[in-house]
Every structure is written in C-alpha cells, then in structure tokens.
C-alpha cells in the first residue's frame, strides 16, 4: 500500500548514543537498522540522543546519553530522565507523518500507544522471565495485545501470550569485522561484568585448563561490588587479563586474534550479539546450551554448546578443529544487518496494512451505523401516527 518507500519512526533507547562508542547492544542494532533502511531507500527518522551518528534524519531527545549523567546510578532519577526523553519523542512522533513506529525503547512507549494513531511494533531486546525481570514481565503482559517482535524463538518461552508478529534475529555488518584464520594463543570473554554473563565461570575454566583469558567488559555502577569481590582478585595481568570496556576497533582486534570466545552464560540470554561478532571474525564460540544459544550456534560447526562450565573446559582441546572460515560464512548467510532489516520491513508492511484494513473497516462500520440511524429516524418520521 505504500509503493516503494516506508516512512519509519525509529525509537532508540537513550542510555547510549547510536551507535554506541563502546558497549551497547540494542543501540548498535538500532544503528544497523537505520543505516540499512536508508540504504534500501526508505525514509527514516531516528529518535535518539542528540550526539548520535546516523544517515537518517535525527531527532535528539536528550543532549547526552543518560548513562553518562553523574546521577545515573540513582534508578529513580535515571527513570525520570528516560521518561522525560521519551515524552519528547512521543510528542514529535504525534506531529509527524509516519507509516510505522518501530519501538526499541521498551514497554514504557506503550503507555502512550492509545494517544498515537500510527501503528507501533515493539522489538523486545531483554528477557521476559518474571523471576529475573519482574517489572518487564508484568508490564509487557499488561500490553500483551500490542504488536511484538522477538529476537529469538526462545525469548518467547517466558511470556508466550504476547502478540508476537515475528521473530527477527539481530544482525551485524560483517565488513566491520575483519576475518582472521591464524589466531593467537588466548581466549576471550566479552560483554559486561554481571553474574548472568558468567565471568566467574570463564575465569574458573581458564584456571582449570591453564589457558590465557583476556576479558573486555563494562562494569555498571550496580556491579562494582561484584567485580571487586569476585573478579578483581583473579586478575593477574598474565593469565587473566582485564581490559575494561573497549570500543569497536579494540573489540574486533580482541575477537579476531582469539582462539575462541568463552561465553558461559548463566541465564536464558535472548540473543547474545557477541557470539555473531566473534564468528564474523572467524572465532568459534564456547557457550552454555540455553536461551537462544542453540538458535545461533551449530554444535561442532561454529563452536560448542555445552551443559556447564566443566564441559566447556573439556572442549578447550577441541576448539582448533572448528573451521574459522565456516564461522564467517555462517554469519554472512544468517546474521547480517541486511537480513535483519529486510525481516523488519516485511513486518512493517504487514502491520501497517492490517492497521489500514482495520481503520477502513471501522470507518465503514461507523458509516453503516450512521446510515442505519438516519434510515431508522426517517422511517419513524414517516410511520403513521
């Protein structure tokens, strides 16, 4: 119904700029979607931080990333900043002319859903487990009739009653991840310092097997105590090396030169974008067989899906049998930014077309009701007294 061009309002989180200079999975995905949509010829307006970099039209809703605010450790203050930026975005979206609103911000956007006439589709980037994220679980459940996109099939398991319209896997630009067939003699851990990600288990695996482990991860304010107590004592600068949070170039250098990425996750991770980033460099992945991992990896082909950290340790000796070329080819076939964006465009067309049909039907029903009332009133006036 649109012809060739889609007018998209792309709503990003405001924690980081788009794309993020260092860590920031959702913001990196939003950046890829924006750039690919523009490359495909669509009209895109990105609602994000004012310092974001994009080929789309940028509407800055907050001057700087909220994470950089000195008071960001205060959750109430942080939430207030997010809602303030979101309110600004919604006000501008209401006055715009869009075919679809693609929401990457979260359930908070759906608080305004009935005030916006443009159809909304929401990609859920986090976990829906009520034991780990009770607020996310209950709020998404409250809006279960809205349009949702999952980033893996396993993500739906905790809240299957949501109205999921598609699963669209995350994607990256393989050209930004230089392939390397001859790695150095170390293993990598990448992401953030959090018990869910398994940094303790990664260190235990390294100590058990004698391998060198290089850790590149951000530390949120709430995880500083965990890092100080459980991770820092093991960092010796020789076998266990900690780089902190790294930017894109250092990340690629870390991944492409590693024998493997060790990801001993302790949660049902909804996607795990570091896995495909590693494989794009030719680096296989050693991870736990849970969450989305079996949807992303092929056991024995581009890494190993293991029951626990002990099994990962036992697989260290087999990692060089994995073809690094096969790892790269797999990403280029299944997890590119273009594949992801084309999947989203199909959803945009389906959602907007359905919304249009519903609007037309409502108009017809309203017209029919008005005609019925007029006819009834006219008949009543002509009936014998």
Protein backbone atom coordinates (compact mmCIF):
# COMPACT_ATOMS: atom_id res chain seq x y z
CA UNK A 1 0.00 0.00 0.00
CA UNK A 2 2.99 2.32 0.35
CA UNK A 3 4.57 1.75 -3.04
CA UNK A 4 8.32 1.62 -2.62
CA UNK A 5 9.01 3.87 0.35
CA UNK A 6 8.27 3.31 4.03
CA UNK A 7 8.23 6.26 6.44
CA UNK A 8 9.65 4.85 9.67
CA UNK A 9 9.94 6.43 13.11
CA UNK A 10 12.76 4.50 14.76
CA UNK A 11 12.76 4.91 18.54
CA UNK A 12 16.03 4.02 20.29
CA UNK A 13 16.91 3.80 23.99
CA UNK A 14 18.57 6.90 25.41
CA UNK A 15 21.13 5.17 27.63
CA UNK A 16 23.81 5.30 24.92
CA UNK A 17 24.24 7.20 21.68
CA UNK A 18 23.51 5.44 18.36
CA UNK A 19 25.82 3.72 17.57
CA UNK A 20 27.44 3.33 20.98
CA UNK A 21 31.16 4.17 21.23
CA UNK A 22 31.72 1.06 23.34
CA UNK A 23 29.18 -1.31 24.92
CA UNK A 24 25.53 -1.12 23.88
CA UNK A 25 23.88 -3.99 22.08
CA UNK A 26 20.43 -2.51 21.45
CA UNK A 27 21.80 0.83 20.28
CA UNK A 28 24.13 -1.00 17.87
CA UNK A 29 21.20 -2.95 16.45
CA UNK A 30 19.16 0.25 16.02
CA UNK A 31 22.08 1.85 14.19
CA UNK A 32 22.29 -1.06 11.76
CA UNK A 33 18.54 -0.96 11.13
CA UNK A 34 18.59 2.80 10.49
CA UNK A 35 21.52 2.62 8.07
CA UNK A 36 20.12 -0.35 6.17
CA UNK A 37 16.64 1.20 5.89
CA UNK A 38 18.16 4.36 4.42
CA UNK A 39 20.30 2.28 2.05
CA UNK A 40 17.15 0.47 0.91
CA UNK A 41 15.56 3.80 0.04
CA UNK A 42 13.17 4.25 2.95
CA UNK A 43 12.50 7.50 4.85
CA UNK A 44 13.76 7.10 8.40
CA UNK A 45 13.59 9.42 11.39
CA UNK A 46 15.71 8.28 14.31
CA UNK A 47 14.67 9.39 17.80
CA UNK A 48 17.79 9.01 19.95
CA UNK A 49 20.41 11.01 21.84
CA UNK A 50 21.41 14.28 20.16
CA UNK A 51 25.03 13.14 19.72
CA UNK A 52 24.03 10.05 17.70
CA UNK A 53 25.55 9.47 14.26
CA UNK A 54 23.19 8.36 11.51
CA UNK A 55 22.30 8.67 7.83
CA UNK A 56 18.65 9.00 8.87
CA UNK A 57 17.01 12.24 9.98
CA UNK A 58 17.97 12.61 13.64
CA UNK A 59 15.68 13.96 16.35
CA UNK A 60 17.68 14.40 19.53
CA UNK A 61 15.52 13.73 22.58
CA UNK A 62 18.25 14.17 25.17
CA UNK A 63 21.52 16.07 24.83
CA UNK A 64 23.82 13.31 26.06
CA UNK A 65 23.47 9.58 26.77
CA UNK A 66 21.70 9.07 30.08
CA UNK A 67 24.36 6.61 31.22
CA UNK A 68 26.90 9.48 31.18
CA UNK A 69 24.86 11.52 33.70
CA UNK A 70 26.64 11.73 37.06
CA UNK A 71 23.44 10.74 38.86
CA UNK A 72 22.67 7.78 36.60
CA UNK A 73 23.39 5.35 39.45
CA UNK A 74 20.16 6.57 41.09
CA UNK A 75 17.47 4.39 39.50
CA UNK A 76 14.60 6.80 40.19
CA UNK A 77 16.49 9.75 38.73
CA UNK A 78 17.58 7.60 35.77
CA UNK A 79 13.97 6.56 35.11
CA UNK A 80 12.84 10.18 35.25
CA UNK A 81 15.43 11.17 32.63
CA UNK A 82 14.29 8.33 30.37
CA UNK A 83 10.60 9.22 30.66
CA UNK A 84 11.38 12.89 30.01
CA UNK A 85 13.24 11.99 26.79
CA UNK A 86 10.53 9.51 25.78
CA UNK A 87 7.80 12.11 26.27
CA UNK A 88 9.66 14.46 23.94
CA UNK A 89 9.95 11.70 21.33
CA UNK A 90 6.25 10.82 21.56
CA UNK A 91 5.24 14.48 21.18
CA UNK A 92 7.29 14.75 17.98
CA UNK A 93 6.06 11.41 16.67
CA UNK A 94 2.46 12.50 17.16
CA UNK A 95 3.03 15.54 14.96
CA UNK A 96 4.88 13.55 12.29
CA UNK A 97 3.69 11.66 9.22
CA UNK A 98 4.85 8.05 9.61
CA UNK A 99 3.71 4.71 8.27
CA UNK A 100 5.10 2.77 11.22
CA UNK A 101 6.73 3.36 14.60
CA UNK A 102 9.43 0.81 15.42
CA UNK A 103 9.91 0.87 19.17
CA UNK A 104 13.22 -0.36 20.62
CA UNK A 105 12.81 1.61 23.86
CA UNK A 106 10.64 -0.84 25.77
CA UNK A 107 7.23 -1.16 27.42
CA UNK A 108 7.22 2.48 28.53
CA UNK A 109 6.43 3.57 24.98
CA UNK A 110 3.25 1.52 25.08
CA UNK A 111 1.90 3.77 27.85
CA UNK A 112 1.33 6.30 25.04
CA UNK A 113 0.03 3.79 22.48
CA UNK A 114 -3.61 4.91 22.60
CA UNK A 115 -2.57 8.52 22.05
CA UNK A 116 -0.79 7.68 18.79
CA UNK A 117 -2.72 6.85 15.61
CA UNK A 118 0.30 5.40 13.78
CA UNK A 119 0.74 1.63 14.22
CA UNK A 120 3.52 0.60 16.62
CA UNK A 121 5.63 -2.54 16.63
CA UNK A 122 7.99 -3.24 19.53
CA UNK A 123 11.17 -5.30 19.41
CA UNK A 124 11.81 -6.81 22.83
CA UNK A 125 15.55 -6.93 23.50
CA UNK A 126 15.56 -8.23 27.06
CA UNK A 127 14.49 -11.32 28.94
CA UNK A 128 10.86 -11.86 29.93
CA UNK A 129 11.49 -14.13 32.92
CA UNK A 130 9.42 -12.79 35.85
CA UNK A 131 11.91 -14.17 38.39
CA UNK A 132 14.75 -12.08 36.91
CA UNK A 133 12.91 -9.11 35.42
CA UNK A 134 9.53 -8.88 37.20
CA UNK A 135 8.77 -5.33 36.03
CA UNK A 136 9.44 -6.17 32.38
CA UNK A 137 7.35 -9.32 32.67
CA UNK A 138 4.30 -7.69 34.22
CA UNK A 139 4.35 -4.54 32.08
CA UNK A 140 4.72 -6.37 28.76
CA UNK A 141 1.96 -8.73 29.90
CA UNK A 142 -0.25 -5.71 30.55
CA UNK A 143 0.19 -4.69 26.89
CA UNK A 144 0.07 -8.25 25.54
CA UNK A 145 -2.29 -7.32 22.67
CA UNK A 146 0.23 -4.88 21.18
CA UNK A 147 2.50 -5.90 18.29
CA UNK A 148 5.76 -7.52 19.37
CA UNK A 149 8.86 -8.88 17.64
CA UNK A 150 11.09 -11.38 19.41
CA UNK A 151 14.83 -11.57 18.70
CA UNK A 152 14.81 -15.35 19.17
CA UNK A 153 12.18 -18.05 19.48
CA UNK A 154 13.41 -18.97 22.94
CA UNK A 155 12.75 -15.41 24.15
CA UNK A 156 9.01 -16.07 23.86
CA UNK A 157 9.03 -19.01 26.27
CA UNK A 158 8.53 -16.97 29.44
CA UNK A 159 5.60 -14.94 28.09
CA UNK A 160 4.01 -16.81 25.15
CA UNK A 161 0.69 -14.97 25.43
CA UNK A 162 2.16 -11.78 23.97
CA UNK A 163 1.02 -10.95 20.45
CA UNK A 164 4.25 -11.83 18.66
CA UNK A 165 4.05 -10.99 14.96
CA UNK A 166 7.53 -12.24 14.01
CA UNK A 167 10.97 -13.33 15.15
CA UNK A 168 13.77 -11.26 13.63
CA UNK A 169 17.30 -12.21 14.59
CA UNK A 170 19.85 -9.48 15.27
CA UNK A 171 22.36 -8.77 12.54
CA UNK A 172 25.70 -7.07 12.04
CA UNK A 173 27.77 -5.77 9.14
CA UNK A 174 30.38 -8.50 8.57
CA UNK A 175 32.55 -5.99 6.67
CA UNK A 176 33.26 -4.27 10.01
CA UNK A 177 34.66 -7.48 11.48
CA UNK A 178 37.97 -8.47 9.89
CA UNK A 179 38.39 -12.20 9.38
CA UNK A 180 41.49 -13.95 10.75
CA UNK A 181 42.40 -17.58 10.15
CA UNK A 182 45.54 -17.62 12.32
CA UNK A 183 44.67 -16.55 15.90
CA UNK A 184 46.99 -16.01 18.82
CA UNK A 185 47.12 -18.27 21.87
CA UNK A 186 44.45 -16.79 24.13
CA UNK A 187 40.69 -16.98 24.71
CA UNK A 188 38.32 -14.01 25.05
CA UNK A 189 35.42 -13.02 27.29
CA UNK A 190 33.40 -10.05 26.01
CA UNK A 191 30.37 -8.13 27.24
CA UNK A 192 29.65 -6.87 30.73
CA UNK A 193 30.58 -7.87 34.25
CA UNK A 194 27.43 -9.49 35.60
CA UNK A 195 26.69 -12.90 37.15
CA UNK A 196 24.32 -13.64 34.24
CA UNK A 197 27.21 -13.45 31.77
CA UNK A 198 29.39 -15.91 33.66
CA UNK A 199 32.72 -14.06 34.11
CA UNK A 200 33.46 -16.12 37.25
CA UNK A 201 32.90 -19.32 35.30
CA UNK A 202 35.14 -18.08 32.48
CA UNK A 203 37.95 -17.44 34.96
CA UNK A 204 37.43 -20.87 36.56
CA UNK A 205 37.65 -22.50 33.11
CA UNK A 206 40.90 -20.65 32.39
CA UNK A 207 42.45 -21.68 35.69
CA UNK A 208 41.37 -25.28 35.28
CA UNK A 209 42.77 -25.62 31.75
CA UNK A 210 45.76 -23.28 32.02
CA UNK A 211 44.68 -21.10 29.10
CA UNK A 212 45.20 -17.35 28.87
CA UNK A 213 41.94 -15.39 29.23
CA UNK A 214 41.50 -11.78 28.11
CA UNK A 215 38.37 -10.08 29.50
CA UNK A 216 36.86 -6.99 27.86
CA UNK A 217 33.72 -5.90 29.68
CA UNK A 218 31.95 -2.88 31.06
CA UNK A 219 31.11 -2.54 34.73
CA UNK A 220 27.80 -0.89 35.59
CA UNK A 221 27.69 1.05 38.87
CA UNK A 222 25.48 -1.65 40.41
CA UNK A 223 28.09 -4.32 39.62
CA UNK A 224 31.17 -2.60 41.05
CA UNK A 225 30.97 -4.55 44.31
CA UNK A 226 30.58 -7.85 42.42
CA UNK A 227 33.63 -7.03 40.31
CA UNK A 228 35.71 -6.04 43.32
CA UNK A 229 34.81 -9.13 45.34
CA UNK A 230 34.52 -11.91 42.74
CA UNK A 231 36.51 -10.91 39.65
CA UNK A 232 39.31 -8.49 40.50
CA UNK A 233 41.17 -10.84 42.90
CA UNK A 234 41.80 -13.24 39.99
CA UNK A 235 43.22 -10.64 37.59
CA UNK A 236 47.00 -11.06 37.48
CA UNK A 237 47.86 -9.39 34.18
CA UNK A 238 49.46 -12.60 32.88
CA UNK A 239 46.95 -15.45 32.68
CA UNK A 240 43.83 -13.42 33.50
CA UNK A 241 43.90 -10.00 31.84
CA UNK A 242 41.21 -7.34 32.20
CA UNK A 243 40.92 -4.61 29.55
CA UNK A 244 37.73 -2.95 30.80
CA UNK A 245 35.15 -1.61 28.35
CA UNK A 246 36.51 -1.37 24.80
CA UNK A 247 35.48 0.39 21.59
CA UNK A 248 34.80 -1.24 18.25
CA UNK A 249 38.37 -1.44 16.90
CA UNK A 250 39.79 -2.94 20.09
CA UNK A 251 36.86 -5.34 20.27
CA UNK A 252 37.48 -6.61 16.75
CA UNK A 253 41.19 -6.98 17.46
CA UNK A 254 40.40 -8.94 20.62
CA UNK A 255 37.93 -11.25 18.86
CA UNK A 256 39.80 -11.91 15.63
CA UNK A 257 43.02 -12.89 17.43
CA UNK A 258 41.34 -15.15 20.00
CA UNK A 259 41.24 -18.93 19.61
CA UNK A 260 37.65 -18.81 20.84
CA UNK A 261 35.09 -16.71 22.68
CA UNK A 262 34.15 -18.17 26.06
CA UNK A 263 30.55 -17.32 26.98
CA UNK A 264 29.48 -19.43 29.98
CA UNK A 265 26.09 -17.72 30.33
CA UNK A 266 24.06 -18.28 33.49
CA UNK A 267 20.73 -17.08 32.10
CA UNK A 268 18.39 -17.60 29.15
CA UNK A 269 20.06 -14.97 27.02
CA UNK A 270 17.57 -13.71 24.40
CA UNK A 271 20.24 -13.36 21.70
CA UNK A 272 23.92 -12.74 22.50
CA UNK A 273 25.23 -10.47 19.76
CA UNK A 274 28.86 -11.03 20.82
CA UNK A 275 28.52 -14.59 19.53
CA UNK A 276 27.92 -13.49 15.94
CA UNK A 277 30.55 -10.76 16.22
CA UNK A 278 33.11 -13.40 17.21
CA UNK A 279 32.08 -15.77 14.42
CA UNK A 280 32.27 -12.94 11.87
CA UNK A 281 35.96 -12.69 12.76
CA UNK A 282 36.28 -16.46 12.27
CA UNK A 283 36.35 -17.09 16.01
CA UNK A 284 34.31 -20.05 17.32
CA UNK A 285 32.21 -19.82 20.47
CA UNK A 286 32.15 -21.97 23.60
CA UNK A 287 28.89 -21.41 25.47
CA UNK A 288 26.13 -23.00 27.56
CA UNK A 289 23.26 -24.66 25.73
CA UNK A 290 20.42 -22.48 26.95
CA UNK A 291 18.34 -19.50 25.87
CA UNK A 292 18.94 -18.52 22.25
CA UNK A 293 22.35 -20.22 22.01
CA UNK A 294 21.10 -23.28 20.04
CA UNK A 295 19.37 -20.93 17.56
CA UNK A 296 22.59 -19.01 16.92
CA UNK A 297 25.21 -21.76 17.05
CA UNK A 298 25.59 -25.15 15.40
CA UNK A 299 27.30 -27.54 17.80
CA UNK A 300 30.57 -28.76 16.36
CA UNK A 301 30.29 -26.46 13.32
CA UNK A 302 30.97 -22.96 14.65
CA UNK A 303 31.54 -23.70 18.32
CA UNK A 304 30.31 -25.97 21.08
CA UNK A 305 27.06 -25.96 23.04
CA UNK A 306 27.87 -27.31 26.49
CA UNK A 307 25.88 -28.37 29.56
CA UNK A 308 28.01 -26.42 32.02
CA UNK A 309 31.39 -24.78 32.62
CA UNK A 310 33.04 -28.15 33.22
CA UNK A 311 32.06 -29.30 29.74
CA UNK A 312 33.36 -26.05 28.27
CA UNK A 313 36.70 -26.72 29.94
CA UNK A 314 36.74 -30.22 28.45
CA UNK A 315 36.08 -28.78 24.98
CA UNK A 316 39.03 -26.38 25.02
CA UNK A 317 41.26 -29.06 23.48
CA UNK A 318 38.83 -29.48 20.53
CA UNK A 319 38.39 -25.85 19.58
CA UNK A 320 41.04 -25.76 16.85
CA UNK A 321 39.10 -28.41 14.91
CA UNK A 322 36.38 -25.82 14.20
CA UNK A 323 36.71 -24.20 10.78
CA UNK A 324 37.14 -20.46 11.16
CA UNK A 325 36.06 -19.99 7.54
CA UNK A 326 32.81 -21.84 8.33
CA UNK A 327 32.19 -19.47 11.26
CA UNK A 328 32.48 -16.44 9.00
CA UNK A 329 30.36 -17.96 6.23
CA UNK A 330 27.61 -18.81 8.71
CA UNK A 331 27.27 -15.20 9.84
CA UNK A 332 27.27 -13.90 6.28
CA UNK A 333 24.44 -16.27 5.44
CA UNK A 334 22.21 -15.87 8.50
CA UNK A 335 23.06 -12.82 10.65
CA UNK A 336 23.74 -9.76 8.52
CA UNK A 337 22.25 -6.32 9.10
CA UNK A 338 20.61 -6.54 5.68
CA UNK A 339 18.85 -9.84 6.53
CA UNK A 340 17.65 -8.35 9.81
CA UNK A 341 16.35 -5.15 8.20
CA UNK A 342 14.57 -6.93 5.37
CA UNK A 343 12.83 -9.03 8.02
CA UNK A 344 11.71 -5.85 9.76
CA UNK A 345 10.42 -4.29 6.54
CA UNK A 346 8.20 -7.32 5.97
CA UNK A 347 6.75 -6.78 9.43
CA UNK A 348 6.22 -3.05 8.78
CA UNK A 349 4.24 -3.82 5.65
CA UNK A 350 2.12 -6.46 7.34
CA UNK A 351 1.38 -4.41 10.46
CA UNK A 352 0.58 -1.20 8.63
CA UNK A 353 -1.58 -2.98 6.07
CA UNK A 354 -3.51 -4.70 8.83
CA UNK A 355 -3.91 -1.40 10.68
CA UNK A 356 -5.13 0.23 7.48
CA UNK A 357 -7.71 -2.52 6.90
CA UNK A 358 -8.90 -2.21 10.48
CA UNK A 359 -9.22 1.58 10.08
CA UNK A 360 -11.19 1.20 6.85
CA UNK A 361 -13.42 -1.42 8.46
CA UNK A 362 -14.03 0.86 11.43
CA UNK A 363 -14.89 3.73 9.12
CA UNK A 364 -17.27 1.52 7.17
CA UNK A 365 -18.87 0.26 10.36
CA UNK A 366 -19.23 3.81 11.61
CA UNK A 367 -20.75 4.93 8.32
CA UNK A 368 -23.08 1.93 8.35
CA UNK A 369 -24.18 2.76 11.88
CA UNK A 370 -24.85 6.38 10.92
CA UNK A 371 -26.83 5.33 7.83
CA UNK A 372 -28.85 2.89 9.94
CA UNK A 373 -29.63 5.61 12.45
CA UNK A 374 -30.66 8.03 9.68
CA UNK A 375 -32.84 5.41 7.97
CA UNK A 376 -34.46 4.46 11.29
CA UNK A 377 -35.12 8.07 12.13
CA UNK A 378 -36.56 8.72 8.67
CA UNK A 379 -38.74 5.63 8.87
CA UNK A 380 -40.01 6.70 12.25
CA UNK A 381 -40.96 10.13 10.91
CA UNK A 382 -42.89 8.61 8.02
CA UNK A 383 -44.72 5.96 10.02
CA UNK A 384 -48.47 6.52 10.69
CA UNK A 385 -49.20 8.31 13.93
